[in-house]
Amino acid sequence: MGIVKIGDDLHEELRKASSVMCRSINAQAEFWIKVGMLAEAHPTLPFTEIMARQLKHADVQLPGINAA
């Protein structure tokens, strides 16, 4: 584990977003980093598709959606 230095403005945005998303500041930063990495790896996919694939990969069963 390491330390990532970020600017004060970005840290403040992390703090605000983490409170809305019910995550710690570190968890919010990890989420944004992971989504950013996935978006760079799959630049044609929209955010909703990236998240749908991650949920499927984690075997999350969403109510009202039939398994394929």
PDB file of N, CA and C in Angstrom:
ATOM      1  N   MET A   1       0.845  -1.169   0.000  1.00  0.00           N
ATOM      2  CA  MET A   1       0.000   0.000   0.000  1.00  0.00           C
ATOM      3  C   MET A   1       0.888   1.228   0.000  1.00  0.00           C
ATOM      4  N   GLY A   2       0.457   2.250  -0.697  1.00  0.00           N
ATOM      5  CA  GLY A   2       1.245   3.457  -0.783  1.00  0.00           C
ATOM      6  C   GLY A   2       0.403   4.684  -0.512  1.00  0.00           C
ATOM      7  N   ILE A   3       1.018   5.804  -0.653  1.00  0.00           N
ATOM      8  CA  ILE A   3       0.346   7.083  -0.454  1.00  0.00           C
ATOM      9  C   ILE A   3       0.268   7.778  -1.806  1.00  0.00           C
ATOM     10  N   VAL A   4      -0.909   8.257  -2.136  1.00  0.00           N
ATOM     11  CA  VAL A   4      -1.118   9.008  -3.371  1.00  0.00           C
ATOM     12  C   VAL A   4      -1.366  10.456  -2.992  1.00  0.00           C
ATOM     13  N   LYS A   5      -0.570  11.333  -3.552  1.00  0.00           N
ATOM     14  CA  LYS A   5      -0.752  12.751  -3.257  1.00  0.00           C
ATOM     15  C   LYS A   5      -1.683  13.355  -4.307  1.00  0.00           C
ATOM     16  N   ILE A   6      -2.700  14.043  -3.816  1.00  0.00           N
ATOM     17  CA  ILE A   6      -3.635  14.737  -4.705  1.00  0.00           C
ATOM     18  C   ILE A   6      -3.792  16.162  -4.211  1.00  0.00           C
ATOM     19  N   GLY A   7      -4.259  17.007  -5.103  1.00  0.00           N
ATOM     20  CA  GLY A   7      -4.447  18.407  -4.753  1.00  0.00           C
ATOM     21  C   GLY A   7      -5.613  18.613  -3.793  1.00  0.00           C
ATOM     22  N   ASP A   8      -5.584  19.746  -3.123  1.00  0.00           N
ATOM     23  CA  ASP A   8      -6.630  20.073  -2.158  1.00  0.00           C
ATOM     24  C   ASP A   8      -8.012  20.140  -2.792  1.00  0.00           C
ATOM     25  N   ASP A   9      -8.098  20.673  -4.009  1.00  0.00           N
ATOM     26  CA  ASP A   9      -9.399  20.788  -4.677  1.00  0.00           C
ATOM     27  C   ASP A   9      -9.993  19.418  -4.968  1.00  0.00           C
ATOM     28  N   LEU A  10      -9.184  18.496  -5.476  1.00  0.00           N
ATOM     29  CA  LEU A  10      -9.671  17.150  -5.757  1.00  0.00           C
ATOM     30  C   LEU A  10     -10.038  16.432  -4.460  1.00  0.00           C
ATOM     31  N   HIS A  11      -9.255  16.625  -3.421  1.00  0.00           N
ATOM     32  CA  HIS A  11      -9.571  16.008  -2.131  1.00  0.00           C
ATOM     33  C   HIS A  11     -10.925  16.497  -1.623  1.00  0.00           C
ATOM     34  N   GLU A  12     -11.196  17.772  -1.789  1.00  0.00           N
ATOM     35  CA  GLU A  12     -12.487  18.316  -1.358  1.00  0.00           C
ATOM     36  C   GLU A  12     -13.631  17.690  -2.161  1.00  0.00           C
ATOM     37  N   GLU A  13     -13.434  17.502  -3.466  1.00  0.00           N
ATOM     38  CA  GLU A  13     -14.463  16.850  -4.289  1.00  0.00           C
ATOM     39  C   GLU A  13     -14.655  15.396  -3.855  1.00  0.00           C
ATOM     40  N   LEU A  14     -13.563  14.721  -3.519  1.00  0.00           N
ATOM     41  CA  LEU A  14     -13.653  13.357  -2.982  1.00  0.00           C
ATOM     42  C   LEU A  14     -14.451  13.329  -1.686  1.00  0.00           C
ATOM     43  N   ARG A  15     -14.174  14.268  -0.821  1.00  0.00           N
ATOM     44  CA  ARG A  15     -14.875  14.327   0.457  1.00  0.00           C
ATOM     45  C   ARG A  15     -16.372  14.503   0.246  1.00  0.00           C
ATOM     46  N   LYS A  16     -16.747  15.433  -0.639  1.00  0.00           N
ATOM     47  CA  LYS A  16     -18.168  15.680  -0.891  1.00  0.00           C
ATOM     48  C   LYS A  16     -18.828  14.474  -1.544  1.00  0.00           C
ATOM     49  N   ALA A  17     -18.178  13.895  -2.548  1.00  0.00           N
ATOM     50  CA  ALA A  17     -18.749  12.739  -3.243  1.00  0.00           C
ATOM     51  C   ALA A  17     -18.858  11.542  -2.309  1.00  0.00           C
ATOM     52  N   SER A  18     -17.884  11.359  -1.438  1.00  0.00           N
ATOM     53  CA  SER A  18     -17.917  10.205  -0.530  1.00  0.00           C
ATOM     54  C   SER A  18     -19.096  10.290   0.429  1.00  0.00           C
ATOM     55  N   SER A  19     -19.464  11.490   0.838  1.00  0.00           N
ATOM     56  CA  SER A  19     -20.604  11.618   1.746  1.00  0.00           C
ATOM     57  C   SER A  19     -21.914  11.292   1.032  1.00  0.00           C
ATOM     58  N   VAL A  20     -22.021  11.658  -0.223  1.00  0.00           N
ATOM     59  CA  VAL A  20     -23.223  11.347  -0.999  1.00  0.00           C
ATOM     60  C   VAL A  20     -23.318   9.852  -1.277  1.00  0.00           C
ATOM     61  N   MET A  21     -22.186   9.225  -1.579  1.00  0.00           N
ATOM     62  CA  MET A  21     -22.167   7.816  -1.962  1.00  0.00           C
ATOM     63  C   MET A  21     -22.012   6.866  -0.777  1.00  0.00           C
ATOM     64  N   CYS A  22     -21.981   7.417   0.447  1.00  0.00           N
ATOM     65  CA  CYS A  22     -21.837   6.613   1.671  1.00  0.00           C
ATOM     66  C   CYS A  22     -20.583   5.751   1.633  1.00  0.00           C
ATOM     67  N   ARG A  23     -19.493   6.343   1.188  1.00  0.00           N
ATOM     68  CA  ARG A  23     -18.194   5.683   1.157  1.00  0.00           C
ATOM     69  C   ARG A  23     -17.206   6.531   1.949  1.00  0.00           C
ATOM     70  N   SER A  24     -16.134   5.893   2.383  1.00  0.00           N
ATOM     71  CA  SER A  24     -15.051   6.675   2.966  1.00  0.00           C
ATOM     72  C   SER A  24     -14.371   7.451   1.834  1.00  0.00           C
ATOM     73  N   ILE A  25     -13.587   8.431   2.199  1.00  0.00           N
ATOM     74  CA  ILE A  25     -12.854   9.195   1.181  1.00  0.00           C
ATOM     75  C   ILE A  25     -11.930   8.261   0.403  1.00  0.00           C
ATOM     76  N   ASN A  26     -11.246   7.357   1.104  1.00  0.00           N
ATOM     77  CA  ASN A  26     -10.358   6.411   0.419  1.00  0.00           C
ATOM     78  C   ASN A  26     -11.137   5.494  -0.511  1.00  0.00           C
ATOM     79  N   ALA A  27     -12.293   4.999  -0.063  1.00  0.00           N
ATOM     80  CA  ALA A  27     -13.106   4.115  -0.910  1.00  0.00           C
ATOM     81  C   ALA A  27     -13.594   4.863  -2.149  1.00  0.00           C
ATOM     82  N   GLN A  28     -13.948   6.133  -1.994  1.00  0.00           N
ATOM     83  CA  GLN A  28     -14.388   6.921  -3.148  1.00  0.00           C
ATOM     84  C   GLN A  28     -13.240   7.111  -4.125  1.00  0.00           C
ATOM     85  N   ALA A  29     -12.049   7.392  -3.616  1.00  0.00           N
ATOM     86  CA  ALA A  29     -10.886   7.547  -4.488  1.00  0.00           C
ATOM     87  C   ALA A  29     -10.590   6.236  -5.216  1.00  0.00           C
ATOM     88  N   GLU A  30     -10.651   5.113  -4.509  1.00  0.00           N
ATOM     89  CA  GLU A  30     -10.427   3.815  -5.143  1.00  0.00           C
ATOM     90  C   GLU A  30     -11.463   3.552  -6.226  1.00  0.00           C
ATOM     91  N   PHE A  31     -12.719   3.901  -5.966  1.00  0.00           N
ATOM     92  CA  PHE A  31     -13.773   3.713  -6.957  1.00  0.00           C
ATOM     93  C   PHE A  31     -13.484   4.527  -8.210  1.00  0.00           C
ATOM     94  N   TRP A  32     -13.160   5.811  -8.031  1.00  0.00           N
ATOM     95  CA  TRP A  32     -12.873   6.653  -9.185  1.00  0.00           C
ATOM     96  C   TRP A  32     -11.653   6.145  -9.956  1.00  0.00           C
ATOM     97  N   ILE A  33     -10.636   5.683  -9.253  1.00  0.00           N
ATOM     98  CA  ILE A  33      -9.442   5.156  -9.916  1.00  0.00           C
ATOM     99  C   ILE A  33      -9.790   3.911 -10.719  1.00  0.00           C
ATOM    100  N   LYS A  34     -10.543   2.994 -10.119  1.00  0.00           N
ATOM    101  CA  LYS A  34     -10.909   1.757 -10.812  1.00  0.00           C
ATOM    102  C   LYS A  34     -11.758   2.049 -12.046  1.00  0.00           C
ATOM    103  N   VAL A  35     -12.760   2.901 -11.897  1.00  0.00           N
ATOM    104  CA  VAL A  35     -13.618   3.235 -13.037  1.00  0.00           C
ATOM    105  C   VAL A  35     -12.800   3.940 -14.118  1.00  0.00           C
ATOM    106  N   GLY A  36     -11.895   4.797 -13.719  1.00  0.00           N
ATOM    107  CA  GLY A  36     -11.040   5.481 -14.690  1.00  0.00           C
ATOM    108  C   GLY A  36     -10.152   4.509 -15.450  1.00  0.00           C
ATOM    109  N   MET A  37      -9.590   3.534 -14.742  1.00  0.00           N
ATOM    110  CA  MET A  37      -8.764   2.515 -15.407  1.00  0.00           C
ATOM    111  C   MET A  37      -9.597   1.705 -16.396  1.00  0.00           C
ATOM    112  N   LEU A  38     -10.803   1.313 -15.981  1.00  0.00           N
ATOM    113  CA  LEU A  38     -11.678   0.543 -16.871  1.00  0.00           C
ATOM    114  C   LEU A  38     -12.107   1.371 -18.079  1.00  0.00           C
ATOM    115  N   ALA A  39     -12.369   2.654 -17.859  1.00  0.00           N
ATOM    116  CA  ALA A  39     -12.758   3.532 -18.969  1.00  0.00           C
ATOM    117  C   ALA A  39     -11.609   3.696 -19.964  1.00  0.00           C
ATOM    118  N   GLU A  40     -10.391   3.786 -19.478  1.00  0.00           N
ATOM    119  CA  GLU A  40      -9.245   3.879 -20.379  1.00  0.00           C
ATOM    120  C   GLU A  40      -9.038   2.573 -21.139  1.00  0.00           C
ATOM    121  N   ALA A  41      -9.278   1.441 -20.478  1.00  0.00           N
ATOM    122  CA  ALA A  41      -9.105   0.138 -21.123  1.00  0.00           C
ATOM    123  C   ALA A  41     -10.212  -0.146 -22.138  1.00  0.00           C
ATOM    124  N   HIS A  42     -11.382   0.454 -21.938  1.00  0.00           N
ATOM    125  CA  HIS A  42     -12.545   0.231 -22.811  1.00  0.00           C
ATOM    126  C   HIS A  42     -13.167   1.578 -23.184  1.00  0.00           C
ATOM    127  N   PRO A  43     -12.483   2.370 -23.994  1.00  0.00           N
ATOM    128  CA  PRO A  43     -12.916   3.747 -24.241  1.00  0.00           C
ATOM    129  C   PRO A  43     -14.261   3.891 -24.960  1.00  0.00           C
ATOM    130  N   THR A  44     -14.764   2.825 -25.558  1.00  0.00           N
ATOM    131  CA  THR A  44     -16.047   2.943 -26.260  1.00  0.00           C
ATOM    132  C   THR A  44     -17.237   2.615 -25.362  1.00  0.00           C
ATOM    133  N   LEU A  45     -16.988   2.097 -24.170  1.00  0.00           N
ATOM    134  CA  LEU A  45     -18.085   1.720 -23.282  1.00  0.00           C
ATOM    135  C   LEU A  45     -18.545   2.895 -22.429  1.00  0.00           C
ATOM    136  N   PRO A  46     -19.859   3.084 -22.320  1.00  0.00           N
ATOM    137  CA  PRO A  46     -20.358   4.113 -21.398  1.00  0.00           C
ATOM    138  C   PRO A  46     -20.232   3.629 -19.953  1.00  0.00           C
ATOM    139  N   PHE A  47     -20.300   4.555 -19.034  1.00  0.00           N
ATOM    140  CA  PHE A  47     -20.183   4.244 -17.610  1.00  0.00           C
ATOM    141  C   PHE A  47     -21.161   3.154 -17.191  1.00  0.00           C
ATOM    142  N   THR A  48     -22.407   3.242 -17.656  1.00  0.00           N
ATOM    143  CA  THR A  48     -23.416   2.258 -17.240  1.00  0.00           C
ATOM    144  C   THR A  48     -23.035   0.849 -17.675  1.00  0.00           C
ATOM    145  N   GLU A  49     -22.434   0.698 -18.833  1.00  0.00           N
ATOM    146  CA  GLU A  49     -22.011  -0.630 -19.292  1.00  0.00           C
ATOM    147  C   GLU A  49     -20.807  -1.127 -18.497  1.00  0.00           C
ATOM    148  N   ILE A  50     -19.890  -0.233 -18.179  1.00  0.00           N
ATOM    149  CA  ILE A  50     -18.749  -0.609 -17.344  1.00  0.00           C
ATOM    150  C   ILE A  50     -19.253  -1.133 -16.009  1.00  0.00           C
ATOM    151  N   MET A  51     -20.197  -0.419 -15.400  1.00  0.00           N
ATOM    152  CA  MET A  51     -20.720  -0.849 -14.101  1.00  0.00           C
ATOM    153  C   MET A  51     -21.510  -2.149 -14.226  1.00  0.00           C
ATOM    154  N   ALA A  52     -22.292  -2.302 -15.282  1.00  0.00           N
ATOM    155  CA  ALA A  52     -23.062  -3.538 -15.480  1.00  0.00           C
ATOM    156  C   ALA A  52     -22.128  -4.735 -15.598  1.00  0.00           C
ATOM    157  N   ARG A  53     -21.035  -4.575 -16.321  1.00  0.00           N
ATOM    158  CA  ARG A  53     -20.067  -5.666 -16.460  1.00  0.00           C
ATOM    159  C   ARG A  53     -19.396  -6.000 -15.134  1.00  0.00           C
ATOM    160  N   GLN A  54     -19.079  -4.969 -14.357  1.00  0.00           N
ATOM    161  CA  GLN A  54     -18.451  -5.214 -13.058  1.00  0.00           C
ATOM    162  C   GLN A  54     -19.419  -5.936 -12.109  1.00  0.00           C
ATOM    163  N   LEU A  55     -20.679  -5.544 -12.124  1.00  0.00           N
ATOM    164  CA  LEU A  55     -21.679  -6.211 -11.296  1.00  0.00           C
ATOM    165  C   LEU A  55     -21.863  -7.661 -11.726  1.00  0.00           C
ATOM    166  N   LYS A  56     -21.904  -7.903 -13.025  1.00  0.00           N
ATOM    167  CA  LYS A  56     -22.050  -9.266 -13.525  1.00  0.00           C
ATOM    168  C   LYS A  56     -20.829 -10.097 -13.129  1.00  0.00           C
ATOM    169  N   HIS A  57     -19.646  -9.521 -13.281  1.00  0.00           N
ATOM    170  CA  HIS A  57     -18.403 -10.216 -12.918  1.00  0.00           C
ATOM    171  C   HIS A  57     -18.398 -10.599 -11.431  1.00  0.00           C
ATOM    172  N   ALA A  58     -19.005  -9.757 -10.601  1.00  0.00           N
ATOM    173  CA  ALA A  58     -19.073 -10.024  -9.167  1.00  0.00           C
ATOM    174  C   ALA A  58     -20.261 -10.910  -8.821  1.00  0.00           C
ATOM    175  N   ASP A  59     -21.014 -11.355  -9.834  1.00  0.00           N
ATOM    176  CA  ASP A  59     -22.162 -12.229  -9.670  1.00  0.00           C
ATOM    177  C   ASP A  59     -23.256 -11.584  -8.814  1.00  0.00           C
ATOM    178  N   VAL A  60     -23.435 -10.279  -9.003  1.00  0.00           N
ATOM    179  CA  VAL A  60     -24.496  -9.552  -8.299  1.00  0.00           C
ATOM    180  C   VAL A  60     -25.801  -9.792  -9.049  1.00  0.00           C
ATOM    181  N   GLN A  61     -26.817 -10.253  -8.332  1.00  0.00           N
ATOM    182  CA  GLN A  61     -28.132 -10.503  -8.918  1.00  0.00           C
ATOM    183  C   GLN A  61     -28.989  -9.255  -8.707  1.00  0.00           C
ATOM    184  N   LEU A  62     -29.304  -8.576  -9.799  1.00  0.00           N
ATOM    185  CA  LEU A  62     -30.128  -7.380  -9.712  1.00  0.00           C
ATOM    186  C   LEU A  62     -31.594  -7.737  -9.811  1.00  0.00           C
ATOM    187  N   PRO A  63     -32.436  -7.203  -8.961  1.00  0.00           N
ATOM    188  CA  PRO A  63     -33.857  -7.530  -9.003  1.00  0.00           C
ATOM    189  C   PRO A  63     -34.485  -7.058 -10.309  1.00  0.00           C
ATOM    190  N   GLY A  64     -35.360  -7.881 -10.857  1.00  0.00           N
ATOM    191  CA  GLY A  64     -36.089  -7.519 -12.064  1.00  0.00           C
ATOM    192  C   GLY A  64     -35.317  -7.719 -13.352  1.00  0.00           C
ATOM    193  N   ILE A  65     -34.098  -8.225 -13.268  1.00  0.00           N
ATOM    194  CA  ILE A  65     -33.295  -8.466 -14.468  1.00  0.00           C
ATOM    195  C   ILE A  65     -33.048  -9.963 -14.584  1.00  0.00           C
ATOM    196  N   ASN A  66     -33.488 -10.552 -15.670  1.00  0.00           N
ATOM    197  CA  ASN A  66     -33.319 -11.983 -15.870  1.00  0.00           C
ATOM    198  C   ASN A  66     -31.864 -12.290 -16.216  1.00  0.00           C
ATOM    199  N   ALA A  67     -31.367 -13.368 -15.659  1.00  0.00           N
ATOM    200  CA  ALA A  67     -30.004 -13.797 -15.990  1.00  0.00           C
ATOM    201  C   ALA A  67     -29.967 -14.323 -17.399  1.00  0.00           C
ATOM    202  N   ALA A  68     -28.913 -13.988 -18.117  1.00  0.00           N
ATOM    203  CA  ALA A  68     -28.791 -14.429 -19.511  1.00  0.00           C
ATOM    204  C   ALA A  68     -28.113 -15.780 -19.590  1.00  0.00           C
TER     205      ALA A  68
END
